[in-house]
Amino acid sequence: MIELDKEFKGWDYEELADKWGINTDSVALLMRNHIMSSLRFDEDYGERLLPEVKEDMEEFLSSLIVQKEKHNFGSVIFIALRLVSDEDDATFAQYFCTLLPHMWT
């Protein structure tokens, strides 16, 4: 079961932009840049997201999944994405950025 964080409603990916202080008309592009630039190389683990960025991404995604389940609309792909976050940060970041335009309820 996914636990909810009260900070995110899971309605729109712009919630993440607000949290990260990105206020512009090009939110999606800037968020992609923000996420991808937070990847750091770790000799033992490969590419790793900055912990605070990954935590926000996971919390938002969990809230989004709950909202989509309430509306019975397209939550499966986001559940799979949430599972990827436990396995590989670089893949998680790439798919998260690709799916940003679809992250709304």
PDB file of N, CA and C in Angstrom:
ATOM      1  N   MET A   1       0.839  -1.183   0.000  1.00  0.00           N
ATOM      2  CA  MET A   1       0.000   0.000   0.000  1.00  0.00           C
ATOM      3  C   MET A   1       0.881   1.241   0.000  1.00  0.00           C
ATOM      4  N   ILE A   2       0.509   2.205  -0.771  1.00  0.00           N
ATOM      5  CA  ILE A   2       1.272   3.449  -0.871  1.00  0.00           C
ATOM      6  C   ILE A   2       0.843   4.396   0.239  1.00  0.00           C
ATOM      7  N   GLU A   3       1.831   4.928   0.936  1.00  0.00           N
ATOM      8  CA  GLU A   3       1.535   5.898   1.982  1.00  0.00           C
ATOM      9  C   GLU A   3       1.526   7.298   1.390  1.00  0.00           C
ATOM     10  N   LEU A   4       0.588   8.107   1.834  1.00  0.00           N
ATOM     11  CA  LEU A   4       0.452   9.468   1.309  1.00  0.00           C
ATOM     12  C   LEU A   4       1.265  10.465   2.110  1.00  0.00           C
ATOM     13  N   ASP A   5       1.822  11.414   1.426  1.00  0.00           N
ATOM     14  CA  ASP A   5       2.453  12.562   2.039  1.00  0.00           C
ATOM     15  C   ASP A   5       1.460  13.704   1.899  1.00  0.00           C
ATOM     16  N   LYS A   6       1.242  14.428   2.960  1.00  0.00           N
ATOM     17  CA  LYS A   6       0.240  15.510   2.947  1.00  0.00           C
ATOM     18  C   LYS A   6       0.673  16.701   2.096  1.00  0.00           C
ATOM     19  N   GLU A   7       1.965  16.785   1.772  1.00  0.00           N
ATOM     20  CA  GLU A   7       2.470  17.934   1.034  1.00  0.00           C
ATOM     21  C   GLU A   7       1.985  17.965  -0.417  1.00  0.00           C
ATOM     22  N   PHE A   8       1.884  16.807  -1.043  1.00  0.00           N
ATOM     23  CA  PHE A   8       1.485  16.748  -2.445  1.00  0.00           C
ATOM     24  C   PHE A   8       0.065  16.215  -2.573  1.00  0.00           C
ATOM     25  N   LYS A   9      -0.676  16.814  -3.482  1.00  0.00           N
ATOM     26  CA  LYS A   9      -2.032  16.349  -3.758  1.00  0.00           C
ATOM     27  C   LYS A   9      -2.045  15.314  -4.876  1.00  0.00           C
ATOM     28  N   GLY A  10      -1.006  15.320  -5.722  1.00  0.00           N
ATOM     29  CA  GLY A  10      -0.948  14.382  -6.838  1.00  0.00           C
ATOM     30  C   GLY A  10      -1.844  14.796  -7.984  1.00  0.00           C
ATOM     31  N   TRP A  11      -2.105  16.095  -8.112  1.00  0.00           N
ATOM     32  CA  TRP A  11      -3.006  16.596  -9.149  1.00  0.00           C
ATOM     33  C   TRP A  11      -2.275  16.991 -10.417  1.00  0.00           C
ATOM     34  N   ASP A  12      -1.074  17.541 -10.287  1.00  0.00           N
ATOM     35  CA  ASP A  12      -0.377  18.090 -11.441  1.00  0.00           C
ATOM     36  C   ASP A  12       1.107  18.151 -11.127  1.00  0.00           C
ATOM     37  N   TYR A  13       1.940  17.797 -12.118  1.00  0.00           N
ATOM     38  CA  TYR A  13       3.381  17.785 -11.886  1.00  0.00           C
ATOM     39  C   TYR A  13       3.930  19.160 -11.526  1.00  0.00           C
ATOM     40  N   GLU A  14       3.160  20.207 -11.757  1.00  0.00           N
ATOM     41  CA  GLU A  14       3.638  21.541 -11.388  1.00  0.00           C
ATOM     42  C   GLU A  14       3.759  21.702  -9.874  1.00  0.00           C
ATOM     43  N   GLU A  15       3.157  20.783  -9.113  1.00  0.00           N
ATOM     44  CA  GLU A  15       3.366  20.784  -7.663  1.00  0.00           C
ATOM     45  C   GLU A  15       4.853  20.625  -7.351  1.00  0.00           C
ATOM     46  N   LEU A  16       5.534  19.782  -8.125  1.00  0.00           N
ATOM     47  CA  LEU A  16       6.972  19.609  -7.932  1.00  0.00           C
ATOM     48  C   LEU A  16       7.716  20.886  -8.294  1.00  0.00           C
ATOM     49  N   ALA A  17       7.300  21.526  -9.372  1.00  0.00           N
ATOM     50  CA  ALA A  17       7.947  22.775  -9.776  1.00  0.00           C
ATOM     51  C   ALA A  17       7.827  23.813  -8.656  1.00  0.00           C
ATOM     52  N   ASP A  18       6.652  23.882  -8.037  1.00  0.00           N
ATOM     53  CA  ASP A  18       6.469  24.823  -6.927  1.00  0.00           C
ATOM     54  C   ASP A  18       7.394  24.491  -5.765  1.00  0.00           C
ATOM     55  N   LYS A  19       7.503  23.217  -5.445  1.00  0.00           N
ATOM     56  CA  LYS A  19       8.358  22.793  -4.325  1.00  0.00           C
ATOM     57  C   LYS A  19       9.816  23.146  -4.599  1.00  0.00           C
ATOM     58  N   TRP A  20      10.233  23.013  -5.851  1.00  0.00           N
ATOM     59  CA  TRP A  20      11.627  23.249  -6.203  1.00  0.00           C
ATOM     60  C   TRP A  20      11.898  24.700  -6.604  1.00  0.00           C
ATOM     61  N   GLY A  21      10.880  25.563  -6.544  1.00  0.00           N
ATOM     62  CA  GLY A  21      11.075  26.971  -6.851  1.00  0.00           C
ATOM     63  C   GLY A  21      11.238  27.271  -8.319  1.00  0.00           C
ATOM     64  N   ILE A  22      10.662  26.441  -9.180  1.00  0.00           N
ATOM     65  CA  ILE A  22      10.737  26.667 -10.622  1.00  0.00           C
ATOM     66  C   ILE A  22       9.425  27.321 -11.047  1.00  0.00           C
ATOM     67  N   ASN A  23       9.464  28.601 -11.316  1.00  0.00           N
ATOM     68  CA  ASN A  23       8.257  29.334 -11.678  1.00  0.00           C
ATOM     69  C   ASN A  23       8.444  29.984 -13.041  1.00  0.00           C
ATOM     70  N   THR A  24       7.938  29.321 -14.056  1.00  0.00           N
ATOM     71  CA  THR A  24       8.092  29.816 -15.414  1.00  0.00           C
ATOM     72  C   THR A  24       7.074  29.150 -16.321  1.00  0.00           C
ATOM     73  N   ASP A  25       6.921  29.665 -17.522  1.00  0.00           N
ATOM     74  CA  ASP A  25       6.013  29.050 -18.485  1.00  0.00           C
ATOM     75  C   ASP A  25       6.585  27.767 -19.066  1.00  0.00           C
ATOM     76  N   SER A  26       7.890  27.571 -18.950  1.00  0.00           N
ATOM     77  CA  SER A  26       8.539  26.378 -19.498  1.00  0.00           C
ATOM     78  C   SER A  26       8.793  25.357 -18.403  1.00  0.00           C
ATOM     79  N   VAL A  27       7.794  25.146 -17.555  1.00  0.00           N
ATOM     80  CA  VAL A  27       7.956  24.302 -16.383  1.00  0.00           C
ATOM     81  C   VAL A  27       8.445  22.895 -16.731  1.00  0.00           C
ATOM     82  N   ALA A  28       7.823  22.248 -17.704  1.00  0.00           N
ATOM     83  CA  ALA A  28       8.189  20.861 -18.010  1.00  0.00           C
ATOM     84  C   ALA A  28       9.653  20.752 -18.413  1.00  0.00           C
ATOM     85  N   LEU A  29      10.102  21.644 -19.259  1.00  0.00           N
ATOM     86  CA  LEU A  29      11.490  21.598 -19.708  1.00  0.00           C
ATOM     87  C   LEU A  29      12.449  21.857 -18.545  1.00  0.00           C
ATOM     88  N   LEU A  30      12.142  22.849 -17.735  1.00  0.00           N
ATOM     89  CA  LEU A  30      13.005  23.167 -16.607  1.00  0.00           C
ATOM     90  C   LEU A  30      13.023  22.044 -15.580  1.00  0.00           C
ATOM     91  N   MET A  31      11.874  21.394 -15.392  1.00  0.00           N
ATOM     92  CA  MET A  31      11.841  20.272 -14.452  1.00  0.00           C
ATOM     93  C   MET A  31      12.699  19.131 -14.959  1.00  0.00           C
ATOM     94  N   ARG A  32      12.632  18.862 -16.250  1.00  0.00           N
ATOM     95  CA  ARG A  32      13.492  17.818 -16.815  1.00  0.00           C
ATOM     96  C   ARG A  32      14.959  18.146 -16.538  1.00  0.00           C
ATOM     97  N   ASN A  33      15.331  19.401 -16.786  1.00  0.00           N
ATOM     98  CA  ASN A  33      16.717  19.820 -16.547  1.00  0.00           C
ATOM     99  C   ASN A  33      17.080  19.693 -15.069  1.00  0.00           C
ATOM    100  N   HIS A  34      16.162  20.086 -14.197  1.00  0.00           N
ATOM    101  CA  HIS A  34      16.407  20.020 -12.754  1.00  0.00           C
ATOM    102  C   HIS A  34      16.625  18.567 -12.317  1.00  0.00           C
ATOM    103  N   ILE A  35      15.767  17.677 -12.792  1.00  0.00           N
ATOM    104  CA  ILE A  35      15.870  16.270 -12.421  1.00  0.00           C
ATOM    105  C   ILE A  35      17.153  15.658 -12.981  1.00  0.00           C
ATOM    106  N   MET A  36      17.376  15.829 -14.261  1.00  0.00           N
ATOM    107  CA  MET A  36      18.540  15.196 -14.886  1.00  0.00           C
ATOM    108  C   MET A  36      19.856  15.771 -14.353  1.00  0.00           C
ATOM    109  N   SER A  37      19.866  17.048 -13.998  1.00  0.00           N
ATOM    110  CA  SER A  37      21.105  17.616 -13.460  1.00  0.00           C
ATOM    111  C   SER A  37      21.334  17.203 -12.006  1.00  0.00           C
ATOM    112  N   SER A  38      20.333  16.593 -11.367  1.00  0.00           N
ATOM    113  CA  SER A  38      20.515  16.125  -9.999  1.00  0.00           C
ATOM    114  C   SER A  38      21.126  14.722  -9.947  1.00  0.00           C
ATOM    115  N   LEU A  39      21.322  14.100 -11.124  1.00  0.00           N
ATOM    116  CA  LEU A  39      21.989  12.795 -11.168  1.00  0.00           C
ATOM    117  C   LEU A  39      23.482  12.988 -10.928  1.00  0.00           C
ATOM    118  N   ARG A  40      24.026  12.179 -10.036  1.00  0.00           N
ATOM    119  CA  ARG A  40      25.456  12.218  -9.726  1.00  0.00           C
ATOM    120  C   ARG A  40      26.017  10.821  -9.892  1.00  0.00           C
ATOM    121  N   PHE A  41      27.256  10.723 -10.344  1.00  0.00           N
ATOM    122  CA  PHE A  41      27.878   9.418 -10.510  1.00  0.00           C
ATOM    123  C   PHE A  41      28.457   8.953  -9.189  1.00  0.00           C
ATOM    124  N   ASP A  42      28.138   7.716  -8.827  1.00  0.00           N
ATOM    125  CA  ASP A  42      28.660   7.078  -7.626  1.00  0.00           C
ATOM    126  C   ASP A  42      29.440   5.842  -8.090  1.00  0.00           C
ATOM    127  N   GLU A  43      30.706   5.731  -7.697  1.00  0.00           N
ATOM    128  CA  GLU A  43      31.551   4.633  -8.177  1.00  0.00           C
ATOM    129  C   GLU A  43      30.958   3.260  -7.898  1.00  0.00           C
ATOM    130  N   ASP A  44      30.276   3.116  -6.780  1.00  0.00           N
ATOM    131  CA  ASP A  44      29.725   1.821  -6.403  1.00  0.00           C
ATOM    132  C   ASP A  44      28.340   1.554  -6.986  1.00  0.00           C
ATOM    133  N   TYR A  45      27.555   2.603  -7.206  1.00  0.00           N
ATOM    134  CA  TYR A  45      26.158   2.418  -7.588  1.00  0.00           C
ATOM    135  C   TYR A  45      25.768   3.021  -8.928  1.00  0.00           C
ATOM    136  N   GLY A  46      26.690   3.607  -9.635  1.00  0.00           N
ATOM    137  CA  GLY A  46      26.340   4.255 -10.902  1.00  0.00           C
ATOM    138  C   GLY A  46      25.710   5.610 -10.643  1.00  0.00           C
ATOM    139  N   GLU A  47      24.767   5.981 -11.484  1.00  0.00           N
ATOM    140  CA  GLU A  47      24.135   7.299 -11.336  1.00  0.00           C
ATOM    141  C   GLU A  47      23.084   7.265 -10.232  1.00  0.00           C
ATOM    142  N   ARG A  48      23.138   8.277  -9.361  1.00  0.00           N
ATOM    143  CA  ARG A  48      22.210   8.391  -8.239  1.00  0.00           C
ATOM    144  C   ARG A  48      21.615   9.791  -8.233  1.00  0.00           C
ATOM    145  N   LEU A  49      20.317   9.868  -7.998  1.00  0.00           N
ATOM    146  CA  LEU A  49      19.668  11.164  -7.834  1.00  0.00           C
ATOM    147  C   LEU A  49      20.021  11.741  -6.471  1.00  0.00           C
ATOM    148  N   LEU A  50      20.065  13.068  -6.393  1.00  0.00           N
ATOM    149  CA  LEU A  50      20.215  13.696  -5.084  1.00  0.00           C
ATOM    150  C   LEU A  50      19.054  13.222  -4.215  1.00  0.00           C
ATOM    151  N   PRO A  51      19.315  12.810  -2.988  1.00  0.00           N
ATOM    152  CA  PRO A  51      18.260  12.219  -2.151  1.00  0.00           C
ATOM    153  C   PRO A  51      17.018  13.085  -1.995  1.00  0.00           C
ATOM    154  N   GLU A  52      17.207  14.400  -1.847  1.00  0.00           N
ATOM    155  CA  GLU A  52      16.046  15.268  -1.635  1.00  0.00           C
ATOM    156  C   GLU A  52      15.176  15.379  -2.895  1.00  0.00           C
ATOM    157  N   VAL A  53      15.799  15.337  -4.059  1.00  0.00           N
ATOM    158  CA  VAL A  53      15.053  15.386  -5.322  1.00  0.00           C
ATOM    159  C   VAL A  53      14.299  14.072  -5.527  1.00  0.00           C
ATOM    160  N   LYS A  54      14.985  12.961  -5.297  1.00  0.00           N
ATOM    161  CA  LYS A  54      14.331  11.661  -5.463  1.00  0.00           C
ATOM    162  C   LYS A  54      13.168  11.504  -4.495  1.00  0.00           C
ATOM    163  N   GLU A  55      13.345  11.944  -3.266  1.00  0.00           N
ATOM    164  CA  GLU A  55      12.275  11.854  -2.267  1.00  0.00           C
ATOM    165  C   GLU A  55      11.040  12.634  -2.716  1.00  0.00           C
ATOM    166  N   ASP A  56      11.244  13.839  -3.218  1.00  0.00           N
ATOM    167  CA  ASP A  56      10.116  14.636  -3.716  1.00  0.00           C
ATOM    168  C   ASP A  56       9.435  13.939  -4.895  1.00  0.00           C
ATOM    169  N   MET A  57      10.226  13.404  -5.798  1.00  0.00           N
ATOM    170  CA  MET A  57       9.666  12.715  -6.968  1.00  0.00           C
ATOM    171  C   MET A  57       8.824  11.513  -6.529  1.00  0.00           C
ATOM    172  N   GLU A  58       9.340  10.727  -5.598  1.00  0.00           N
ATOM    173  CA  GLU A  58       8.618   9.548  -5.127  1.00  0.00           C
ATOM    174  C   GLU A  58       7.344   9.925  -4.374  1.00  0.00           C
ATOM    175  N   GLU A  59       7.422  10.953  -3.533  1.00  0.00           N
ATOM    176  CA  GLU A  59       6.243  11.375  -2.784  1.00  0.00           C
ATOM    177  C   GLU A  59       5.157  11.906  -3.717  1.00  0.00           C
ATOM    178  N   PHE A  60       5.556  12.718  -4.692  1.00  0.00           N
ATOM    179  CA  PHE A  60       4.583  13.231  -5.650  1.00  0.00           C
ATOM    180  C   PHE A  60       3.963  12.079  -6.430  1.00  0.00           C
ATOM    181  N   LEU A  61       4.784  11.165  -6.900  1.00  0.00           N
ATOM    182  CA  LEU A  61       4.308  10.036  -7.686  1.00  0.00           C
ATOM    183  C   LEU A  61       3.331   9.178  -6.878  1.00  0.00           C
ATOM    184  N   SER A  62       3.615   8.956  -5.615  1.00  0.00           N
ATOM    185  CA  SER A  62       2.704   8.189  -4.764  1.00  0.00           C
ATOM    186  C   SER A  62       1.351   8.883  -4.640  1.00  0.00           C
ATOM    187  N   SER A  63       1.363  10.194  -4.462  1.00  0.00           N
ATOM    188  CA  SER A  63       0.103  10.945  -4.382  1.00  0.00           C
ATOM    189  C   SER A  63      -0.649  10.913  -5.707  1.00  0.00           C
ATOM    190  N   LEU A  64       0.074  11.026  -6.802  1.00  0.00           N
ATOM    191  CA  LEU A  64      -0.538  10.963  -8.124  1.00  0.00           C
ATOM    192  C   LEU A  64      -1.221   9.613  -8.338  1.00  0.00           C
ATOM    193  N   ILE A  65      -0.565   8.546  -7.932  1.00  0.00           N
ATOM    194  CA  ILE A  65      -1.128   7.202  -8.084  1.00  0.00           C
ATOM    195  C   ILE A  65      -2.445   7.085  -7.321  1.00  0.00           C
ATOM    196  N   VAL A  66      -2.467   7.574  -6.096  1.00  0.00           N
ATOM    197  CA  VAL A  66      -3.696   7.509  -5.299  1.00  0.00           C
ATOM    198  C   VAL A  66      -4.810   8.295  -5.973  1.00  0.00           C
ATOM    199  N   GLN A  67      -4.506   9.481  -6.488  1.00  0.00           N
ATOM    200  CA  GLN A  67      -5.527  10.288  -7.171  1.00  0.00           C
ATOM    201  C   GLN A  67      -6.044   9.570  -8.412  1.00  0.00           C
ATOM    202  N   LYS A  68      -5.147   8.969  -9.184  1.00  0.00           N
ATOM    203  CA  LYS A  68      -5.563   8.268 -10.399  1.00  0.00           C
ATOM    204  C   LYS A  68      -6.395   7.035 -10.055  1.00  0.00           C
ATOM    205  N   GLU A  69      -6.055   6.349  -8.954  1.00  0.00           N
ATOM    206  CA  GLU A  69      -6.850   5.198  -8.535  1.00  0.00           C
ATOM    207  C   GLU A  69      -8.259   5.630  -8.140  1.00  0.00           C
ATOM    208  N   LYS A  70      -8.372   6.779  -7.492  1.00  0.00           N
ATOM    209  CA  LYS A  70      -9.697   7.297  -7.102  1.00  0.00           C
ATOM    210  C   LYS A  70     -10.575   7.524  -8.321  1.00  0.00           C
ATOM    211  N   HIS A  71      -9.956   7.964  -9.409  1.00  0.00           N
ATOM    212  CA  HIS A  71     -10.706   8.259 -10.633  1.00  0.00           C
ATOM    213  C   HIS A  71     -10.705   7.085 -11.600  1.00  0.00           C
ATOM    214  N   ASN A  72     -10.064   5.972 -11.170  1.00  0.00           N
ATOM    215  CA  ASN A  72      -9.994   4.763 -11.999  1.00  0.00           C
ATOM    216  C   ASN A  72      -9.446   5.084 -13.387  1.00  0.00           C
ATOM    217  N   PHE A  73      -8.323   5.797 -13.406  1.00  0.00           N
ATOM    218  CA  PHE A  73      -7.787   6.276 -14.679  1.00  0.00           C
ATOM    219  C   PHE A  73      -6.271   6.155 -14.727  1.00  0.00           C
ATOM    220  N   GLY A  74      -5.758   5.188 -15.464  1.00  0.00           N
ATOM    221  CA  GLY A  74      -4.357   5.114 -15.852  1.00  0.00           C
ATOM    222  C   GLY A  74      -3.309   5.106 -14.777  1.00  0.00           C
ATOM    223  N   SER A  75      -3.528   4.429 -13.667  1.00  0.00           N
ATOM    224  CA  SER A  75      -2.523   4.447 -12.614  1.00  0.00           C
ATOM    225  C   SER A  75      -1.432   3.391 -12.790  1.00  0.00           C
ATOM    226  N   VAL A  76      -1.670   2.378 -13.596  1.00  0.00           N
ATOM    227  CA  VAL A  76      -0.743   1.239 -13.684  1.00  0.00           C
ATOM    228  C   VAL A  76       0.659   1.659 -14.123  1.00  0.00           C
ATOM    229  N   ILE A  77       0.766   2.492 -15.127  1.00  0.00           N
ATOM    230  CA  ILE A  77       2.092   2.907 -15.601  1.00  0.00           C
ATOM    231  C   ILE A  77       2.847   3.689 -14.522  1.00  0.00           C
ATOM    232  N   PHE A  78       2.122   4.441 -13.706  1.00  0.00           N
ATOM    233  CA  PHE A  78       2.772   5.212 -12.654  1.00  0.00           C
ATOM    234  C   PHE A  78       3.173   4.313 -11.482  1.00  0.00           C
ATOM    235  N   ILE A  79       2.407   3.246 -11.243  1.00  0.00           N
ATOM    236  CA  ILE A  79       2.801   2.263 -10.235  1.00  0.00           C
ATOM    237  C   ILE A  79       4.101   1.593 -10.671  1.00  0.00           C
ATOM    238  N   ALA A  80       4.179   1.222 -11.944  1.00  0.00           N
ATOM    239  CA  ALA A  80       5.413   0.611 -12.467  1.00  0.00           C
ATOM    240  C   ALA A  80       6.586   1.579 -12.342  1.00  0.00           C
ATOM    241  N   LEU A  81       6.353   2.850 -12.651  1.00  0.00           N
ATOM    242  CA  LEU A  81       7.415   3.851 -12.532  1.00  0.00           C
ATOM    243  C   LEU A  81       7.873   3.964 -11.081  1.00  0.00           C
ATOM    244  N   ARG A  82       6.932   3.922 -10.156  1.00  0.00           N
ATOM    245  CA  ARG A  82       7.284   4.005  -8.728  1.00  0.00           C
ATOM    246  C   ARG A  82       8.155   2.818  -8.330  1.00  0.00           C
ATOM    247  N   LEU A  83       7.867   1.640  -8.873  1.00  0.00           N
ATOM    248  CA  LEU A  83       8.671   0.459  -8.577  1.00  0.00           C
ATOM    249  C   LEU A  83      10.092   0.593  -9.149  1.00  0.00           C
ATOM    250  N   VAL A  84      10.210   1.223 -10.318  1.00  0.00           N
ATOM    251  CA  VAL A  84      11.525   1.438 -10.925  1.00  0.00           C
ATOM    252  C   VAL A  84      12.392   2.312 -10.030  1.00  0.00           C
ATOM    253  N   SER A  85      11.781   3.211  -9.287  1.00  0.00           N
ATOM    254  CA  SER A  85      12.565   4.122  -8.438  1.00  0.00           C
ATOM    255  C   SER A  85      13.378   3.365  -7.396  1.00  0.00           C
ATOM    256  N   ASP A  86      12.936   2.172  -7.032  1.00  0.00           N
ATOM    257  CA  ASP A  86      13.671   1.369  -6.060  1.00  0.00           C
ATOM    258  C   ASP A  86      14.857   0.645  -6.686  1.00  0.00           C
ATOM    259  N   GLU A  87      14.877   0.566  -8.004  1.00  0.00           N
ATOM    260  CA  GLU A  87      15.893  -0.236  -8.691  1.00  0.00           C
ATOM    261  C   GLU A  87      17.037   0.570  -9.296  1.00  0.00           C
ATOM    262  N   ASP A  88      16.704   1.670  -9.983  1.00  0.00           N
ATOM    263  CA  ASP A  88      17.726   2.361 -10.778  1.00  0.00           C
ATOM    264  C   ASP A  88      17.355   3.835 -10.926  1.00  0.00           C
ATOM    265  N   ASP A  89      18.135   4.701 -10.321  1.00  0.00           N
ATOM    266  CA  ASP A  89      17.836   6.132 -10.347  1.00  0.00           C
ATOM    267  C   ASP A  89      17.868   6.724 -11.750  1.00  0.00           C
ATOM    268  N   ALA A  90      18.845   6.328 -12.564  1.00  0.00           N
ATOM    269  CA  ALA A  90      18.968   6.915 -13.903  1.00  0.00           C
ATOM    270  C   ALA A  90      17.753   6.558 -14.757  1.00  0.00           C
ATOM    271  N   THR A  91      17.337   5.307 -14.719  1.00  0.00           N
ATOM    272  CA  THR A  91      16.154   4.885 -15.486  1.00  0.00           C
ATOM    273  C   THR A  91      14.909   5.562 -14.947  1.00  0.00           C
ATOM    274  N   PHE A  92      14.794   5.623 -13.628  1.00  0.00           N
ATOM    275  CA  PHE A  92      13.656   6.298 -12.995  1.00  0.00           C
ATOM    276  C   PHE A  92      13.576   7.750 -13.457  1.00  0.00           C
ATOM    277  N   ALA A  93      14.693   8.451 -13.438  1.00  0.00           N
ATOM    278  CA  ALA A  93      14.715   9.859 -13.841  1.00  0.00           C
ATOM    279  C   ALA A  93      14.320  10.024 -15.309  1.00  0.00           C
ATOM    280  N   GLN A  94      14.855   9.172 -16.171  1.00  0.00           N
ATOM    281  CA  GLN A  94      14.551   9.286 -17.602  1.00  0.00           C
ATOM    282  C   GLN A  94      13.069   9.051 -17.886  1.00  0.00           C
ATOM    283  N   TYR A  95      12.488   8.007 -17.289  1.00  0.00           N
ATOM    284  CA  TYR A  95      11.072   7.731 -17.523  1.00  0.00           C
ATOM    285  C   TYR A  95      10.173   8.758 -16.843  1.00  0.00           C
ATOM    286  N   PHE A  96      10.579   9.213 -15.672  1.00  0.00           N
ATOM    287  CA  PHE A  96       9.816  10.243 -14.967  1.00  0.00           C
ATOM    288  C   PHE A  96       9.712  11.484 -15.844  1.00  0.00           C
ATOM    289  N   CYS A  97      10.846  11.905 -16.407  1.00  0.00           N
ATOM    290  CA  CYS A  97      10.855  13.094 -17.272  1.00  0.00           C
ATOM    291  C   CYS A  97      10.017  12.877 -18.528  1.00  0.00           C
ATOM    292  N   THR A  98      10.079  11.682 -19.099  1.00  0.00           N
ATOM    293  CA  THR A  98       9.293  11.370 -20.290  1.00  0.00           C
ATOM    294  C   THR A  98       7.804  11.435 -19.998  1.00  0.00           C
ATOM    295  N   LEU A  99       7.418  10.994 -18.810  1.00  0.00           N
ATOM    296  CA  LEU A  99       5.988  10.927 -18.471  1.00  0.00           C
ATOM    297  C   LEU A  99       5.453  12.226 -17.826  1.00  0.00           C
ATOM    298  N   LEU A 100       6.313  13.212 -17.613  1.00  0.00           N
ATOM    299  CA  LEU A 100       5.861  14.469 -16.981  1.00  0.00           C
ATOM    300  C   LEU A 100       4.580  15.062 -17.600  1.00  0.00           C
ATOM    301  N   PRO A 101       4.473  15.117 -18.921  1.00  0.00           N
ATOM    302  CA  PRO A 101       3.254  15.731 -19.485  1.00  0.00           C
ATOM    303  C   PRO A 101       1.974  14.971 -19.139  1.00  0.00           C
ATOM    304  N   HIS A 102       2.100  13.728 -18.684  1.00  0.00           N
ATOM    305  CA  HIS A 102       0.937  12.921 -18.351  1.00  0.00           C
ATOM    306  C   HIS A 102       0.664  12.871 -16.859  1.00  0.00           C
ATOM    307  N   MET A 103       1.436  13.619 -16.081  1.00  0.00           N
ATOM    308  CA  MET A 103       1.305  13.568 -14.630  1.00  0.00           C
ATOM    309  C   MET A 103       0.328  14.615 -14.123  1.00  0.00           C
ATOM    310  N   TRP A 104      -0.936  14.295 -14.258  1.00  0.00           N
ATOM    311  CA  TRP A 104      -2.010  15.146 -13.751  1.00  0.00           C
ATOM    312  C   TRP A 104      -3.240  14.259 -13.556  1.00  0.00           C
ATOM    313  N   THR A 105      -4.165  14.741 -12.736  1.00  0.00           N
ATOM    314  CA  THR A 105      -5.419  14.010 -12.531  1.00  0.00           C
ATOM    315  C   THR A 105      -6.593  14.937 -12.726  1.00  0.00           C
TER     316      THR A 105
END
